[in-house]
Amino acid sequence: MIKKIIWYTVGIIFVLGLGFFAYGFKNAISIGNAINKEPNNIATTEEEKIDAFEADSVLVIGDSLARGTGDLTGKGFAGYVVEGLEKEKGADIPYYNIAIEGLKTQMLLSQVKEPKMAEGIRQAGIILISIGGNDLRAMTKTQSEEKLSSFNEAMRIFLDQLDQILRVIRLENEKAMIVFLGLYNLDYSATNAINSEYLLEWNHATQKLIESYEFTVFTPTYDLFKLNLEDYISQDGLHPNTKGHAAIGERILINLN
């Protein structure tokens, strides 16, 4: 009788274990699928939930990196920047993160042209931007013989759209400090040399454009992740983890001081 009870108990534990494993596996797949998802509707963004933007705020726009994806605390690099600024000033700072996962540059251009966004831009003292990673990643999926022409075209379009974004921002706010985040690599190995060259050229061209505007700085992350890739990347293999976001936030604060 006791043996039957023991086997029955072991059987229940085994079934429950399989259930938890299946649930965890499903969630892992869901996280992986969410990495490259496209936003459904630019009009239904976070700024529509905001009644009014406060003056001298920190405004965060762009993609999932700007949103804070990968940081288990939910702060993201922008949250660490705000925390650092609040410590320096000894006062609370209004903070609005309206970045959207999966956003590409064309979509961000549409977003900054929305009427409600104009108010947010006008009220901002600092604007943090991360965009372009999804544009470049789409290009790297093309066949090798087409990559060079695809890259040149993708970068041309990206730079043109980014220039338009900066022009829209500056029409609404001439003095806000704009901080643009450079792209990092997910593979620094010798076998990935070609894609690394594309990324470096992309960053260089972006930096030239960014720094042609006043009160606008380019914050590099390529070297940051090259030296700490295993420590700074989250389990999804794409976004920074908590330490990675904190490191980006610290670098931005250095640029702002």
Protein backbone atom coordinates (compact mmCIF):
# COMPACT_ATOMS: atom_id res chain seq x y z
CA MET A 1 0.00 0.00 0.00
CA ILE A 2 2.81 2.42 0.95
CA LYS A 3 4.65 1.60 -2.28
CA LYS A 4 1.53 2.43 -4.30
CA ILE A 5 1.23 5.80 -2.53
CA ILE A 6 4.89 6.56 -3.20
CA TRP A 7 4.62 5.67 -6.90
CA TYR A 8 1.39 7.66 -7.17
CA THR A 9 3.09 10.72 -5.62
CA VAL A 10 6.11 10.37 -7.89
CA GLY A 11 3.77 10.17 -10.89
CA ILE A 12 1.97 13.39 -9.93
CA ILE A 13 5.29 15.23 -9.44
CA PHE A 14 6.50 13.98 -12.83
CA VAL A 15 3.33 15.20 -14.61
CA LEU A 16 3.49 18.57 -12.87
CA GLY A 17 7.16 18.88 -13.81
CA LEU A 18 6.35 18.26 -17.47
CA GLY A 19 3.63 20.88 -17.29
CA PHE A 20 5.95 23.52 -15.84
CA PHE A 21 8.63 22.66 -18.42
CA ALA A 22 6.15 23.02 -21.29
CA TYR A 23 4.94 26.34 -19.89
CA GLY A 24 8.49 27.65 -19.57
CA PHE A 25 9.37 26.48 -23.09
CA LYS A 26 6.29 28.20 -24.51
CA ASN A 27 7.23 31.44 -22.77
CA ALA A 28 10.78 31.23 -24.11
CA ILE A 29 9.43 30.84 -27.65
CA SER A 30 7.08 33.78 -27.07
CA ILE A 31 9.99 35.97 -25.96
CA GLY A 32 11.96 34.98 -29.05
CA ASN A 33 9.05 35.75 -31.34
CA ALA A 34 8.49 39.11 -29.68
CA ILE A 35 11.97 40.36 -30.53
CA ASN A 36 11.24 41.33 -34.13
CA LYS A 37 7.52 42.01 -33.90
CA GLU A 38 6.23 45.03 -35.76
CA PRO A 39 4.08 47.62 -33.99
CA ASN A 40 0.43 47.22 -34.97
CA ASN A 41 -0.50 50.87 -35.06
CA ILE A 42 1.68 53.92 -34.58
CA ALA A 43 -1.37 55.97 -33.56
CA THR A 44 -1.96 53.89 -30.42
CA THR A 45 1.27 54.85 -28.71
CA GLU A 46 2.06 55.81 -25.13
CA GLU A 47 1.85 59.56 -25.72
CA GLU A 48 -1.91 59.26 -26.26
CA LYS A 49 -2.22 58.13 -22.63
CA ILE A 50 -0.46 61.28 -21.38
CA ASP A 51 -2.73 64.18 -20.48
CA ALA A 52 0.00 66.81 -20.65
CA PHE A 53 3.78 66.83 -20.90
CA GLU A 54 5.65 68.70 -18.17
CA ALA A 55 8.39 71.22 -18.88
CA ASP A 56 12.10 70.26 -18.80
CA SER A 57 11.24 66.58 -19.05
CA VAL A 58 13.24 63.65 -20.38
CA LEU A 59 11.56 62.28 -23.51
CA VAL A 60 12.51 58.82 -24.78
CA ILE A 61 11.61 57.75 -28.32
CA GLY A 62 12.59 54.93 -30.64
CA ASP A 63 12.67 51.14 -30.59
CA SER A 64 12.68 48.30 -28.06
CA LEU A 65 16.14 49.24 -26.81
CA ALA A 66 14.83 52.69 -25.89
CA ARG A 67 11.77 51.02 -24.37
CA GLY A 68 14.02 49.13 -21.96
CA THR A 69 13.47 45.59 -23.24
CA GLY A 70 15.81 43.12 -21.57
CA ASP A 71 16.15 45.00 -18.28
CA LEU A 72 14.49 42.93 -15.56
CA THR A 73 13.99 46.04 -13.42
CA GLY A 74 11.94 47.66 -16.19
CA LYS A 75 13.99 50.86 -16.05
CA GLY A 76 15.95 50.54 -19.26
CA PHE A 77 18.95 52.75 -19.95
CA ALA A 78 16.71 55.82 -19.95
CA GLY A 79 15.51 55.07 -16.43
CA TYR A 80 19.09 54.94 -15.19
CA VAL A 81 19.79 58.26 -16.91
CA VAL A 82 16.82 59.88 -15.16
CA GLU A 83 17.86 58.42 -11.80
CA GLY A 84 21.38 59.79 -12.25
CA LEU A 85 20.13 63.25 -13.21
CA GLU A 86 17.76 63.33 -10.24
CA LYS A 87 20.62 62.50 -7.87
CA GLU A 88 22.72 65.29 -9.37
CA LYS A 89 19.94 67.88 -9.17
CA GLY A 90 18.33 66.65 -5.97
CA ALA A 91 14.89 66.92 -7.54
CA ASP A 92 12.40 64.80 -9.49
CA ILE A 93 12.52 65.03 -13.27
CA PRO A 94 9.43 64.42 -15.46
CA TYR A 95 10.08 61.36 -17.61
CA TYR A 96 8.14 60.03 -20.61
CA ASN A 97 9.14 56.83 -22.39
CA ILE A 98 7.03 56.41 -25.53
CA ALA A 99 9.37 54.10 -27.44
CA ILE A 100 7.79 51.17 -29.27
CA GLU A 101 9.14 47.66 -29.78
CA GLY A 102 9.96 46.81 -33.39
CA LEU A 103 10.04 50.44 -34.50
CA LYS A 104 11.93 51.32 -37.67
CA THR A 105 13.08 54.78 -38.69
CA GLN A 106 10.17 55.44 -41.07
CA MET A 107 7.74 54.65 -38.26
CA LEU A 108 9.56 56.98 -35.85
CA LEU A 109 9.37 59.74 -38.46
CA SER A 110 5.61 59.25 -38.61
CA GLN A 111 5.41 59.28 -34.82
CA VAL A 112 7.30 62.55 -34.30
CA LYS A 113 4.98 64.22 -36.80
CA GLU A 114 1.91 63.40 -34.71
CA PRO A 115 0.25 66.50 -33.16
CA LYS A 116 0.49 65.18 -29.60
CA MET A 117 4.21 64.53 -30.03
CA ALA A 118 4.84 68.20 -30.86
CA GLU A 119 3.88 69.12 -27.29
CA GLY A 120 6.17 66.45 -25.84
CA ILE A 121 9.09 67.64 -27.95
CA ARG A 122 8.52 71.29 -27.02
CA GLN A 123 8.49 70.50 -23.30
CA ALA A 124 11.57 68.26 -23.32
CA GLY A 125 14.90 69.29 -21.86
CA ILE A 126 16.56 66.05 -22.96
CA ILE A 127 15.51 63.70 -25.77
CA LEU A 128 16.95 60.18 -25.84
CA ILE A 129 16.72 58.30 -29.15
CA SER A 130 17.50 54.74 -30.17
CA ILE A 131 16.58 53.81 -33.73
CA GLY A 132 18.11 52.09 -36.76
CA GLY A 133 18.85 48.64 -35.40
CA ASN A 134 15.76 47.12 -36.99
CA ASP A 135 16.57 48.83 -40.31
CA LEU A 136 20.11 47.46 -40.37
CA ARG A 137 19.11 43.99 -39.18
CA ALA A 138 16.61 43.68 -42.04
CA MET A 139 19.40 44.47 -44.51
CA THR A 140 21.82 41.87 -43.13
CA LYS A 141 19.33 39.11 -43.93
CA THR A 142 19.78 39.65 -47.67
CA GLN A 143 21.95 37.33 -49.82
CA SER A 144 25.70 38.01 -49.73
CA GLU A 145 25.92 39.06 -53.39
CA GLU A 146 23.21 41.67 -52.80
CA LYS A 147 24.41 42.92 -49.43
CA LEU A 148 26.56 45.84 -50.53
CA SER A 149 23.88 47.43 -52.70
CA SER A 150 21.22 46.65 -50.07
CA PHE A 151 23.37 48.19 -47.37
CA ASN A 152 24.08 51.38 -49.31
CA GLU A 153 20.40 51.84 -50.10
CA ALA A 154 19.27 51.03 -46.54
CA MET A 155 21.79 53.46 -45.06
CA ARG A 156 20.85 56.20 -47.53
CA ILE A 157 17.16 55.87 -46.64
CA PHE A 158 17.93 55.67 -42.92
CA LEU A 159 20.08 58.81 -42.93
CA ASP A 160 17.48 60.73 -44.91
CA GLN A 161 14.69 59.71 -42.52
CA LEU A 162 16.83 60.41 -39.45
CA ASP A 163 17.67 63.84 -40.82
CA GLN A 164 13.94 64.51 -41.23
CA ILE A 165 13.32 63.36 -37.65
CA LEU A 166 15.97 65.74 -36.33
CA ARG A 167 14.55 68.59 -38.40
CA VAL A 168 11.06 67.98 -37.00
CA ILE A 169 12.44 67.97 -33.46
CA ARG A 170 14.44 71.14 -33.99
CA LEU A 171 11.45 72.96 -35.48
CA GLU A 172 9.64 72.37 -32.19
CA ASN A 173 12.59 72.68 -29.82
CA GLU A 174 15.91 74.34 -30.67
CA LYS A 175 17.62 73.88 -27.31
CA ALA A 176 16.77 70.41 -26.01
CA MET A 177 19.80 68.14 -25.67
CA ILE A 178 19.37 65.22 -28.07
CA VAL A 179 21.27 62.04 -27.24
CA PHE A 180 21.37 59.44 -30.00
CA LEU A 181 22.45 55.89 -29.20
CA GLY A 182 24.87 54.13 -31.56
CA LEU A 183 24.47 50.47 -32.48
CA TYR A 184 26.39 47.59 -30.92
CA ASN A 185 27.23 44.18 -32.38
CA LEU A 186 25.94 40.78 -31.32
CA ASP A 187 28.89 38.92 -32.84
CA TYR A 188 32.41 40.30 -32.67
CA SER A 189 34.04 37.18 -34.08
CA ALA A 190 36.30 37.15 -37.14
CA THR A 191 33.67 35.19 -39.09
CA ASN A 192 31.30 38.14 -38.73
CA ALA A 193 33.80 40.65 -40.10
CA ILE A 194 31.67 41.75 -43.08
CA ASN A 195 28.59 42.54 -40.99
CA SER A 196 30.84 44.30 -38.46
CA GLU A 197 32.20 46.54 -41.23
CA TYR A 198 28.66 47.44 -42.25
CA LEU A 199 27.73 48.27 -38.67
CA LEU A 200 30.81 50.42 -38.13
CA GLU A 201 30.19 52.32 -41.36
CA TRP A 202 26.54 52.78 -40.34
CA ASN A 203 27.58 54.16 -36.96
CA HIS A 204 30.18 56.47 -38.50
CA ALA A 205 27.73 57.95 -41.01
CA THR A 206 25.11 58.32 -38.28
CA GLN A 207 27.53 60.11 -35.98
CA LYS A 208 28.48 62.58 -38.72
CA LEU A 209 24.82 63.44 -39.24
CA ILE A 210 23.99 63.62 -35.53
CA GLU A 211 26.88 65.93 -34.71
CA SER A 212 26.04 68.30 -37.56
CA TYR A 213 23.17 69.50 -35.34
CA GLU A 214 23.64 71.75 -32.32
CA PHE A 215 23.03 70.35 -28.82
CA THR A 216 23.02 66.85 -30.29
CA VAL A 217 25.44 64.07 -29.29
CA PHE A 218 26.14 60.55 -30.51
CA THR A 219 26.74 58.01 -27.74
CA PRO A 220 28.66 54.93 -28.94
CA THR A 221 27.95 51.46 -27.57
CA TYR A 222 29.98 49.30 -29.98
CA ASP A 223 33.08 49.21 -27.78
CA LEU A 224 31.02 48.88 -24.61
CA PHE A 225 29.50 45.59 -25.73
CA LYS A 226 32.60 44.32 -27.48
CA LEU A 227 34.38 44.22 -24.12
CA ASN A 228 31.41 42.94 -22.11
CA LEU A 229 29.13 41.08 -24.53
CA GLU A 230 28.50 38.01 -22.37
CA ASP A 231 27.84 40.12 -19.28
CA TYR A 232 25.64 42.71 -20.98
CA ILE A 233 23.29 40.74 -23.29
CA SER A 234 19.95 39.40 -22.03
CA GLN A 235 18.67 35.87 -22.51
CA ASP A 236 16.89 36.81 -25.72
CA GLY A 237 20.33 37.22 -27.31
CA LEU A 238 19.46 40.64 -28.70
CA HIS A 239 18.75 43.28 -26.07
CA PRO A 240 20.94 44.45 -23.20
CA ASN A 241 20.26 42.87 -19.83
CA THR A 242 19.97 44.86 -16.62
CA LYS A 243 23.76 45.39 -16.40
CA GLY A 244 23.90 46.33 -20.08
CA HIS A 245 21.17 48.97 -19.77
CA ALA A 246 22.81 50.36 -16.63
CA ALA A 247 26.16 50.61 -18.46
CA ILE A 248 24.53 52.49 -21.36
CA GLY A 249 22.82 54.81 -18.90
CA GLU A 250 26.13 55.54 -17.18
CA ARG A 251 27.81 56.34 -20.52
CA ILE A 252 25.01 58.73 -21.47
CA LEU A 253 25.32 60.51 -18.13
CA ILE A 254 29.03 61.00 -18.80
CA ASN A 255 28.16 62.62 -22.15
CA LEU A 256 25.61 64.89 -20.50
CA ASN A 257 28.07 66.18 -17.89
